[in-house]
Amino acid sequence: MKHVKLRLYGRVQRIGFRFHSMQVAYKYNVTGLVRNMDDGCVYIEAEGESSNIEKFIEWCKIGPMGAKIEKFYMEEGDLKNYTSFDIDHV
């Protein structure tokens, strides 16, 4: 199992990025959360088998139609044992 934290900058808000990332997470059996941040980025925490996390990350680097990823940051973290993938409304 692997846990990653992602920050995606560019055209990532108001294009359905959170909803689409949730669908892709379910497709790859990835758990965690996604939220829009005040600085304009999309923040994601994702957990799952390494191969599934890698597929999810590759999708995040492209995003849904209309997205334009200009900056992508990733760091690994400790497992939080998420049981689902949710859109976090802060």
Protein backbone atom coordinates (compact mmCIF):
# COMPACT_ATOMS: atom_id res chain seq x y z
CA MET A 1 0.00 0.00 0.00
CA LYS A 2 1.12 3.51 -0.82
CA HIS A 3 -0.05 6.97 0.27
CA VAL A 4 0.64 10.08 -1.80
CA LYS A 5 -0.23 13.76 -1.48
CA LEU A 6 -0.65 15.66 -4.74
CA ARG A 7 -0.96 19.36 -5.50
CA LEU A 8 -2.00 20.29 -9.02
CA TYR A 9 -1.80 23.86 -10.30
CA GLY A 10 -3.06 25.39 -13.52
CA ARG A 11 -6.57 25.20 -14.96
CA VAL A 12 -7.84 22.70 -12.37
CA GLN A 13 -10.81 24.34 -10.67
CA ARG A 14 -14.33 24.81 -12.08
CA ILE A 15 -13.83 22.10 -14.71
CA GLY A 16 -15.03 19.04 -12.77
CA PHE A 17 -11.56 17.92 -11.71
CA ARG A 18 -12.72 16.73 -8.29
CA PHE A 19 -15.65 14.72 -9.66
CA HIS A 20 -13.57 13.14 -12.42
CA SER A 21 -10.72 12.29 -10.04
CA MET A 22 -13.24 10.52 -7.81
CA GLN A 23 -14.44 8.43 -10.77
CA VAL A 24 -10.86 7.54 -11.75
CA ALA A 25 -10.02 6.69 -8.13
CA TYR A 26 -12.94 4.23 -8.03
CA LYS A 27 -11.78 2.76 -11.34
CA TYR A 28 -8.32 2.05 -9.90
CA ASN A 29 -9.52 1.10 -6.39
CA VAL A 30 -7.82 4.15 -4.86
CA THR A 31 -9.09 5.71 -1.63
CA GLY A 32 -8.53 9.18 -0.21
CA LEU A 33 -9.86 12.68 -0.80
CA VAL A 34 -9.77 15.61 -3.17
CA ARG A 35 -10.39 19.29 -2.42
CA ASN A 36 -10.08 22.71 -4.01
CA MET A 37 -7.67 24.94 -2.15
CA ASP A 38 -7.82 28.70 -1.67
CA ASP A 39 -4.56 29.14 -3.61
CA GLY A 40 -6.26 27.76 -6.75
CA CYS A 41 -4.77 24.27 -6.68
CA VAL A 42 -6.44 20.89 -6.33
CA TYR A 43 -5.15 18.87 -3.37
CA ILE A 44 -5.42 15.08 -3.38
CA GLU A 45 -4.53 12.40 -0.87
CA ALA A 46 -4.60 8.95 -2.42
CA GLU A 47 -3.96 5.44 -1.11
CA GLY A 48 -3.85 2.08 -2.78
CA GLU A 49 -1.69 -0.58 -4.31
CA SER A 50 1.44 0.93 -5.88
CA SER A 51 0.50 0.01 -9.45
CA ASN A 52 -2.98 1.52 -9.05
CA ILE A 53 -1.58 4.68 -7.47
CA GLU A 54 0.81 5.07 -10.40
CA LYS A 55 -2.08 4.82 -12.88
CA PHE A 56 -4.08 7.34 -10.86
CA ILE A 57 -1.11 9.75 -10.74
CA GLU A 58 -0.64 9.49 -14.51
CA TRP A 59 -4.28 10.46 -14.99
CA CYS A 60 -3.89 13.38 -12.54
CA LYS A 61 -0.99 14.75 -14.59
CA ILE A 62 -3.44 15.15 -17.49
CA GLY A 63 -6.80 15.56 -15.74
CA PRO A 64 -10.22 15.77 -17.35
CA MET A 65 -11.06 17.58 -20.57
CA GLY A 66 -10.46 21.28 -20.08
CA ALA A 67 -7.69 20.85 -17.51
CA LYS A 68 -4.22 22.24 -18.04
CA ILE A 69 -1.70 21.12 -15.44
CA GLU A 70 1.07 23.69 -15.14
CA LYS A 71 2.66 22.50 -11.88
CA PHE A 72 2.49 19.09 -10.24
CA TYR A 73 3.85 18.32 -6.78
CA MET A 74 3.86 14.92 -5.11
CA GLU A 75 5.09 13.59 -1.82
CA GLU A 76 4.65 10.25 -0.13
CA GLY A 77 3.11 10.07 3.32
CA ASP A 78 1.97 7.70 6.01
CA LEU A 79 -1.10 5.56 5.38
CA LYS A 80 -4.33 6.97 6.79
CA ASN A 81 -6.41 3.90 5.88
CA TYR A 82 -9.11 5.71 3.95
CA THR A 83 -12.11 3.51 3.15
CA SER A 84 -13.47 5.53 0.21
CA PHE A 85 -12.51 8.41 -2.09
CA ASP A 86 -14.42 11.57 -1.26
CA ILE A 87 -14.74 15.15 -2.42
CA ASP A 88 -13.81 17.18 0.65
CA HIS A 89 -15.76 20.42 0.96
CA VAL A 90 -13.75 22.60 3.29
